[in-house]
Amino acid sequence: MKITEAELRLMASAAISGDNNHPVNGYSTPAAIGTPMPL
């Protein structure tokens, strides 16, 4: 299976945009919001 230059560029831009999904202010969202449920 051959990969074209255009496909390589699209994959590279998708990988780069995936790296930039962190919050700008440095804080991350909490893992869970709300009242914990008993197990």
N, C-alpha and C. Protein backbone atom coordinates (compact mmCIF):
# COMPACT_ATOMS: atom_id res chain seq x y z
N MET A 1 0.85 -1.18 0.00
CA MET A 1 0.00 0.00 0.00
C MET A 1 0.90 1.24 0.00
N LYS A 2 0.69 2.10 -0.97
CA LYS A 2 1.50 3.31 -1.07
C LYS A 2 0.76 4.48 -0.43
N ILE A 3 1.54 5.36 0.18
CA ILE A 3 1.00 6.56 0.81
C ILE A 3 1.51 7.76 0.02
N THR A 4 0.60 8.64 -0.37
CA THR A 4 1.00 9.81 -1.15
C THR A 4 1.51 10.91 -0.22
N GLU A 5 2.16 11.89 -0.83
CA GLU A 5 2.66 13.04 -0.06
C GLU A 5 1.51 13.80 0.60
N ALA A 6 0.39 13.91 -0.10
CA ALA A 6 -0.77 14.63 0.46
C ALA A 6 -1.28 13.91 1.71
N GLU A 7 -1.33 12.59 1.66
CA GLU A 7 -1.78 11.83 2.83
C GLU A 7 -0.81 11.99 4.00
N LEU A 8 0.47 12.01 3.70
CA LEU A 8 1.46 12.21 4.76
C LEU A 8 1.30 13.57 5.42
N ARG A 9 1.05 14.61 4.61
CA ARG A 9 0.85 15.95 5.16
C ARG A 9 -0.40 16.00 6.03
N LEU A 10 -1.48 15.34 5.58
CA LEU A 10 -2.71 15.33 6.37
C LEU A 10 -2.51 14.61 7.70
N MET A 11 -1.80 13.49 7.67
CA MET A 11 -1.55 12.75 8.91
C MET A 11 -0.67 13.55 9.86
N ALA A 12 0.32 14.25 9.33
CA ALA A 12 1.21 15.05 10.16
C ALA A 12 0.44 16.20 10.80
N SER A 13 -0.42 16.87 10.03
CA SER A 13 -1.17 17.99 10.61
C SER A 13 -2.17 17.50 11.65
N ALA A 14 -2.74 16.32 11.45
CA ALA A 14 -3.66 15.76 12.45
C ALA A 14 -2.91 15.43 13.73
N ALA A 15 -1.70 14.90 13.61
CA ALA A 15 -0.91 14.56 14.79
C ALA A 15 -0.51 15.82 15.55
N ILE A 16 -0.16 16.87 14.83
CA ILE A 16 0.24 18.12 15.48
C ILE A 16 -0.95 18.75 16.18
N SER A 17 -2.12 18.77 15.54
CA SER A 17 -3.29 19.37 16.17
C SER A 17 -3.74 18.56 17.38
N GLY A 18 -3.50 17.26 17.37
CA GLY A 18 -3.84 16.43 18.52
C GLY A 18 -2.98 16.75 19.73
N ASP A 19 -1.76 17.22 19.51
CA ASP A 19 -0.88 17.57 20.62
C ASP A 19 -1.29 18.87 21.30
N ASN A 20 -2.05 19.69 20.62
CA ASN A 20 -2.38 21.01 21.14
C ASN A 20 -3.75 21.06 21.79
N ASN A 21 -4.20 19.99 22.41
CA ASN A 21 -5.53 19.99 23.00
C ASN A 21 -5.52 20.24 24.50
N HIS A 22 -4.42 20.73 25.05
CA HIS A 22 -4.38 21.01 26.49
C HIS A 22 -4.86 22.44 26.75
N PRO A 23 -5.38 22.71 27.94
CA PRO A 23 -5.87 24.06 28.25
C PRO A 23 -4.76 25.10 28.20
N VAL A 24 -5.11 26.31 27.81
CA VAL A 24 -4.11 27.37 27.66
C VAL A 24 -3.61 27.84 29.01
N ASN A 25 -4.49 27.89 30.03
CA ASN A 25 -4.09 28.45 31.32
C ASN A 25 -3.31 27.49 32.20
N GLY A 26 -3.09 26.27 31.75
CA GLY A 26 -2.28 25.33 32.50
C GLY A 26 -3.06 24.43 33.43
N TYR A 27 -4.36 24.66 33.59
CA TYR A 27 -5.16 23.81 34.47
C TYR A 27 -5.88 22.76 33.63
N SER A 28 -5.93 21.54 34.14
CA SER A 28 -6.67 20.50 33.44
C SER A 28 -8.02 20.29 34.11
N THR A 29 -8.95 19.74 33.38
CA THR A 29 -10.27 19.48 33.95
C THR A 29 -10.17 18.33 34.94
N PRO A 30 -10.98 18.33 35.97
CA PRO A 30 -10.93 17.23 36.94
C PRO A 30 -11.35 15.91 36.30
N ALA A 31 -10.90 14.82 36.88
CA ALA A 31 -11.22 13.50 36.34
C ALA A 31 -12.71 13.22 36.46
N ALA A 32 -13.35 13.67 37.53
CA ALA A 32 -14.78 13.44 37.71
C ALA A 32 -15.39 14.64 38.42
N ILE A 33 -16.61 14.94 38.06
CA ILE A 33 -17.33 16.05 38.69
C ILE A 33 -18.60 15.49 39.31
N GLY A 34 -18.90 15.89 40.53
CA GLY A 34 -20.14 15.45 41.17
C GLY A 34 -19.87 14.68 42.44
N THR A 35 -20.91 14.03 42.91
CA THR A 35 -20.83 13.26 44.15
C THR A 35 -20.42 11.83 43.85
N PRO A 36 -19.43 11.29 44.55
CA PRO A 36 -19.03 9.91 44.29
C PRO A 36 -20.13 8.93 44.69
N MET A 37 -20.29 7.90 43.90
CA MET A 37 -21.30 6.88 44.19
C MET A 37 -20.67 5.74 44.98
N PRO A 38 -21.37 5.21 45.98
CA PRO A 38 -20.83 4.04 46.69
C PRO A 38 -20.83 2.82 45.77
N LEU A 39 -19.85 1.99 45.93
CA LEU A 39 -19.75 0.80 45.08
C LEU A 39 -20.58 -0.35 45.61
